[in-house]
Amino acid sequence: MNQYLIKMYLNKLTTEDICLFAQKEGVHLSNEESSYLLKTIRTHYQELLYGDPTPVFNEAKKHLSENHVQIALKLYHYYKEKYQSFL
């Protein structure tokens, strides 16, 4: 059931949602960066939630600034731990 809900949420997720979340965290993304993140999240969410996220973050280094990758890693670990019981 959780996987279904996650998939439904991801289908409704927009680049604007990503930009708003990033802004709340003090990060300003370009249109290209937010589009890349949306595509990556939709494509690799299972790896990010249940597998090894290392390849996903390594690929992100090619598309995002080093600072944005470091912030994304920090937020990833924080929220993964916070919501682990729901996954």
C-alpha atoms as a PDB file:
ATOM      1  CA  MET A   1       0.000   0.000   0.000  1.00  0.00           C
ATOM      2  CA  ASN A   2       2.824   2.427   0.869  1.00  0.00           C
ATOM      3  CA  GLN A   3       4.469   1.899  -2.524  1.00  0.00           C
ATOM      4  CA  TYR A   4       1.190   2.682  -4.257  1.00  0.00           C
ATOM      5  CA  LEU A   5       0.762   5.912  -2.280  1.00  0.00           C
ATOM      6  CA  ILE A   6       4.348   6.933  -2.969  1.00  0.00           C
ATOM      7  CA  LYS A   7       3.908   6.312  -6.701  1.00  0.00           C
ATOM      8  CA  MET A   8       0.676   8.336  -6.760  1.00  0.00           C
ATOM      9  CA  TYR A   9       2.366  11.217  -4.939  1.00  0.00           C
ATOM     10  CA  LEU A  10       5.306  11.189  -7.341  1.00  0.00           C
ATOM     11  CA  ASN A  11       2.955  11.364 -10.314  1.00  0.00           C
ATOM     12  CA  LYS A  12       1.550  14.622  -8.927  1.00  0.00           C
ATOM     13  CA  LEU A  13       4.909  16.092  -7.937  1.00  0.00           C
ATOM     14  CA  THR A  14       5.964  19.140  -9.984  1.00  0.00           C
ATOM     15  CA  THR A  15       9.114  21.164 -10.475  1.00  0.00           C
ATOM     16  CA  GLU A  16       7.378  23.955  -8.583  1.00  0.00           C
ATOM     17  CA  ASP A  17       6.966  21.633  -5.576  1.00  0.00           C
ATOM     18  CA  ILE A  18      10.670  20.832  -5.721  1.00  0.00           C
ATOM     19  CA  CYS A  19      11.623  24.501  -5.961  1.00  0.00           C
ATOM     20  CA  LEU A  20       9.387  25.421  -3.020  1.00  0.00           C
ATOM     21  CA  PHE A  21      10.859  22.656  -0.875  1.00  0.00           C
ATOM     22  CA  ALA A  22      14.378  23.713  -1.838  1.00  0.00           C
ATOM     23  CA  GLN A  23      13.618  27.344  -0.995  1.00  0.00           C
ATOM     24  CA  LYS A  24      12.367  26.295   2.441  1.00  0.00           C
ATOM     25  CA  GLU A  25      15.778  24.684   2.921  1.00  0.00           C
ATOM     26  CA  GLY A  26      17.605  27.811   1.743  1.00  0.00           C
ATOM     27  CA  VAL A  27      18.495  26.441  -1.693  1.00  0.00           C
ATOM     28  CA  HIS A  28      17.717  28.202  -4.953  1.00  0.00           C
ATOM     29  CA  LEU A  29      17.511  25.819  -7.904  1.00  0.00           C
ATOM     30  CA  SER A  30      17.637  26.660 -11.582  1.00  0.00           C
ATOM     31  CA  ASN A  31      14.875  25.363 -13.863  1.00  0.00           C
ATOM     32  CA  GLU A  32      17.285  22.762 -15.225  1.00  0.00           C
ATOM     33  CA  GLU A  33      18.188  21.558 -11.730  1.00  0.00           C
ATOM     34  CA  SER A  34      14.572  21.248 -10.607  1.00  0.00           C
ATOM     35  CA  SER A  35      13.672  19.396 -13.821  1.00  0.00           C
ATOM     36  CA  TYR A  36      16.615  17.054 -13.337  1.00  0.00           C
ATOM     37  CA  LEU A  37      15.621  16.377  -9.723  1.00  0.00           C
ATOM     38  CA  LEU A  38      11.996  15.676 -10.648  1.00  0.00           C
ATOM     39  CA  LYS A  39      13.041  13.230 -13.367  1.00  0.00           C
ATOM     40  CA  THR A  40      15.571  11.558 -11.068  1.00  0.00           C
ATOM     41  CA  ILE A  41      13.144  11.216  -8.161  1.00  0.00           C
ATOM     42  CA  ARG A  42      10.453   9.715 -10.383  1.00  0.00           C
ATOM     43  CA  THR A  43      12.874   7.335 -12.071  1.00  0.00           C
ATOM     44  CA  HIS A  44      14.958   6.249  -9.079  1.00  0.00           C
ATOM     45  CA  TYR A  45      12.639   6.545  -6.088  1.00  0.00           C
ATOM     46  CA  GLN A  46      12.836   2.827  -5.314  1.00  0.00           C
ATOM     47  CA  GLU A  47      16.626   2.918  -5.197  1.00  0.00           C
ATOM     48  CA  LEU A  48      16.485   6.037  -3.033  1.00  0.00           C
ATOM     49  CA  LEU A  49      13.974   4.555  -0.602  1.00  0.00           C
ATOM     50  CA  TYR A  50      14.909   0.891  -0.512  1.00  0.00           C
ATOM     51  CA  GLY A  51      18.301   0.381  -2.132  1.00  0.00           C
ATOM     52  CA  ASP A  52      21.726   1.918  -2.506  1.00  0.00           C
ATOM     53  CA  PRO A  53      21.404   5.621  -3.375  1.00  0.00           C
ATOM     54  CA  THR A  54      25.123   6.047  -4.125  1.00  0.00           C
ATOM     55  CA  PRO A  55      24.842   5.697  -7.934  1.00  0.00           C
ATOM     56  CA  VAL A  56      21.959   8.182  -8.011  1.00  0.00           C
ATOM     57  CA  PHE A  57      23.947  10.780  -6.068  1.00  0.00           C
ATOM     58  CA  ASN A  58      27.067  10.116  -8.135  1.00  0.00           C
ATOM     59  CA  GLU A  59      25.087  10.847 -11.296  1.00  0.00           C
ATOM     60  CA  ALA A  60      23.615  13.963  -9.674  1.00  0.00           C
ATOM     61  CA  LYS A  61      27.131  15.360  -9.323  1.00  0.00           C
ATOM     62  CA  LYS A  62      27.162  15.721 -13.109  1.00  0.00           C
ATOM     63  CA  HIS A  63      23.995  17.843 -13.112  1.00  0.00           C
ATOM     64  CA  LEU A  64      23.998  19.796  -9.846  1.00  0.00           C
ATOM     65  CA  SER A  65      26.507  22.000  -8.104  1.00  0.00           C
ATOM     66  CA  GLU A  66      28.644  20.321  -5.453  1.00  0.00           C
ATOM     67  CA  ASN A  67      26.932  22.415  -2.781  1.00  0.00           C
ATOM     68  CA  HIS A  68      23.482  21.282  -3.924  1.00  0.00           C
ATOM     69  CA  VAL A  69      24.562  17.645  -3.945  1.00  0.00           C
ATOM     70  CA  GLN A  70      25.895  17.946  -0.386  1.00  0.00           C
ATOM     71  CA  ILE A  71      22.667  19.589   0.787  1.00  0.00           C
ATOM     72  CA  ALA A  72      20.619  16.909  -0.992  1.00  0.00           C
ATOM     73  CA  LEU A  73      22.624  14.161   0.721  1.00  0.00           C
ATOM     74  CA  LYS A  74      22.153  15.775   4.106  1.00  0.00           C
ATOM     75  CA  LEU A  75      18.399  16.143   3.556  1.00  0.00           C
ATOM     76  CA  TYR A  76      18.138  12.634   2.136  1.00  0.00           C
ATOM     77  CA  HIS A  77      19.677  11.087   5.252  1.00  0.00           C
ATOM     78  CA  TYR A  78      17.618  13.266   7.581  1.00  0.00           C
ATOM     79  CA  TYR A  79      14.265  12.443   5.948  1.00  0.00           C
ATOM     80  CA  LYS A  80      15.130   8.798   5.311  1.00  0.00           C
ATOM     81  CA  GLU A  81      15.755   8.336   9.014  1.00  0.00           C
ATOM     82  CA  LYS A  82      12.747  10.411  10.038  1.00  0.00           C
ATOM     83  CA  TYR A  83      10.279   8.471   7.856  1.00  0.00           C
ATOM     84  CA  GLN A  84      11.909   5.020   7.875  1.00  0.00           C
ATOM     85  CA  SER A  85       9.023   3.491   9.827  1.00  0.00           C
ATOM     86  CA  PHE A  86       6.590   4.486   7.062  1.00  0.00           C
ATOM     87  CA  LEU A  87       8.580   2.792   4.326  1.00  0.00           C
END
